[in-house]
């Protein structure tokens, strides 16, 4: 009977050791879960901020594209106006040369 009691006592001691190990392990797991939760929260916040920046940048890019199209249109209009002005300037020069030439010839148009 005494042997049985000694075995039971050893078994109880082993059980207590295992329970202590399990408690320590549970505490470590809980601490890890807490750290992982904090990291996941931080990652989630970073992703949200990144998405916000991305959406903001996309709208700014869209506005820049619109402005670029307007600029391109205005430049094309300006180039066309400059081309017309150059043609009109050539015509004015021809007319002026003809007028100067007529003055040199001494005629008054009759």
Protein backbone atom coordinates (compact mmCIF):
# COMPACT_ATOMS: atom_id res chain seq x y z
CA UNK A 1 0.00 0.00 0.00
CA UNK A 2 2.84 2.33 0.81
CA UNK A 3 4.33 1.70 -2.63
CA UNK A 4 1.04 2.56 -4.19
CA UNK A 5 0.89 5.78 -2.15
CA UNK A 6 4.43 6.71 -3.23
CA UNK A 7 3.52 6.11 -6.84
CA UNK A 8 0.37 8.17 -6.47
CA UNK A 9 2.36 10.98 -4.85
CA UNK A 10 4.92 10.91 -7.68
CA UNK A 11 2.14 10.84 -10.19
CA UNK A 12 0.52 13.85 -8.51
CA UNK A 13 3.87 15.67 -8.55
CA UNK A 14 4.28 14.93 -12.26
CA UNK A 15 0.75 16.10 -12.91
CA UNK A 16 1.44 19.33 -11.05
CA UNK A 17 4.61 19.84 -13.08
CA UNK A 18 2.71 19.23 -16.30
CA UNK A 19 -0.05 21.57 -15.24
CA UNK A 20 2.55 24.25 -14.44
CA UNK A 21 4.17 23.71 -17.85
CA UNK A 22 0.78 23.91 -19.56
CA UNK A 23 -0.02 27.12 -17.68
CA UNK A 24 3.32 28.65 -18.70
CA UNK A 25 2.76 27.50 -22.27
CA UNK A 26 -0.75 28.96 -22.27
CA UNK A 27 0.65 32.25 -20.94
CA UNK A 28 3.29 32.32 -23.71
CA UNK A 29 0.66 31.55 -26.35
CA UNK A 30 -1.59 34.29 -24.98
CA UNK A 31 1.31 36.77 -25.04
CA UNK A 32 2.14 35.77 -28.63
CA UNK A 33 -1.49 36.14 -29.66
CA UNK A 34 -1.53 39.61 -28.10
CA UNK A 35 1.63 40.62 -30.01
CA UNK A 36 0.25 39.18 -33.23
CA UNK A 37 -3.03 41.03 -32.73
CA UNK A 38 -1.13 44.31 -32.24
CA UNK A 39 0.94 43.62 -35.35
CA UNK A 40 -2.15 42.76 -37.37
CA UNK A 41 -3.80 45.98 -36.19
CA UNK A 42 -0.70 47.95 -37.22
CA UNK A 43 -0.63 46.23 -40.63
CA UNK A 44 -4.33 46.93 -41.10
CA UNK A 45 -3.78 50.62 -40.32
CA UNK A 46 -0.86 50.77 -42.75
CA UNK A 47 -2.95 49.18 -45.48
CA UNK A 48 -5.80 51.59 -44.84
CA UNK A 49 -3.45 54.57 -44.99
CA UNK A 50 -1.86 53.20 -48.16
CA UNK A 51 -5.25 52.75 -49.81
CA UNK A 52 -6.23 56.28 -48.80
CA UNK A 53 -3.02 57.66 -50.31
CA UNK A 54 -3.53 55.57 -53.43
CA UNK A 55 -7.10 56.84 -53.92
CA UNK A 56 -5.95 60.42 -53.32
CA UNK A 57 -3.08 60.05 -55.78
CA UNK A 58 -5.34 58.50 -58.40
CA UNK A 59 -7.75 61.43 -58.21
CA UNK A 60 -4.82 63.86 -58.40
CA UNK A 61 -3.45 61.97 -61.40
CA UNK A 62 -6.86 62.14 -63.07
CA UNK A 63 -6.93 65.91 -62.49
CA UNK A 64 -3.42 66.23 -63.92
CA UNK A 65 -4.47 64.27 -66.99
CA UNK A 66 -7.44 66.57 -67.51
CA UNK A 67 -5.19 69.61 -67.14
CA UNK A 68 -2.70 68.11 -69.59
CA UNK A 69 -5.47 67.55 -72.14
CA UNK A 70 -6.60 71.16 -71.73
CA UNK A 71 -3.01 72.34 -72.13
CA UNK A 72 -2.55 70.18 -75.23
CA UNK A 73 -5.75 71.61 -76.72
CA UNK A 74 -4.68 75.18 -75.97
CA UNK A 75 -1.23 74.55 -77.44
CA UNK A 76 -2.78 73.15 -80.61
CA UNK A 77 -5.04 76.22 -80.85
CA UNK A 78 -2.06 78.50 -80.25
CA UNK A 79 -0.02 76.71 -82.93
CA UNK A 80 -2.89 77.10 -85.40
CA UNK A 81 -3.28 80.79 -84.52
CA UNK A 82 0.49 81.29 -84.92
CA UNK A 83 0.36 79.59 -88.30
CA UNK A 84 -2.50 81.85 -89.42
CA UNK A 85 -0.65 84.90 -88.11
CA UNK A 86 2.47 83.92 -90.07
CA UNK A 87 0.40 83.60 -93.27
CA UNK A 88 -1.24 86.96 -92.66
CA UNK A 89 2.18 88.51 -91.97
CA UNK A 90 3.46 87.16 -95.29
CA UNK A 91 0.45 88.66 -97.05
CA UNK A 92 1.01 91.98 -95.28
CA UNK A 93 4.68 91.93 -96.37
CA UNK A 94 3.66 91.26 -100.00
CA UNK A 95 1.16 94.07 -99.90
CA UNK A 96 3.65 96.44 -98.28
CA UNK A 97 6.33 95.59 -100.84
CA UNK A 98 3.88 96.17 -103.64
CA UNK A 99 2.90 99.51 -102.11
CA UNK A 100 6.55 100.56 -101.65
CA UNK A 101 7.30 99.48 -105.21
CA UNK A 102 4.41 101.53 -106.54
CA UNK A 103 5.69 104.60 -104.63
CA UNK A 104 9.15 104.16 -106.14
CA UNK A 105 7.74 104.02 -109.63
CA UNK A 106 6.26 107.44 -109.07
CA UNK A 107 2.77 106.65 -110.09
CA UNK A 108 -0.29 107.71 -108.25
CA UNK A 109 -2.40 104.84 -109.47
CA UNK A 110 -3.58 106.38 -112.84
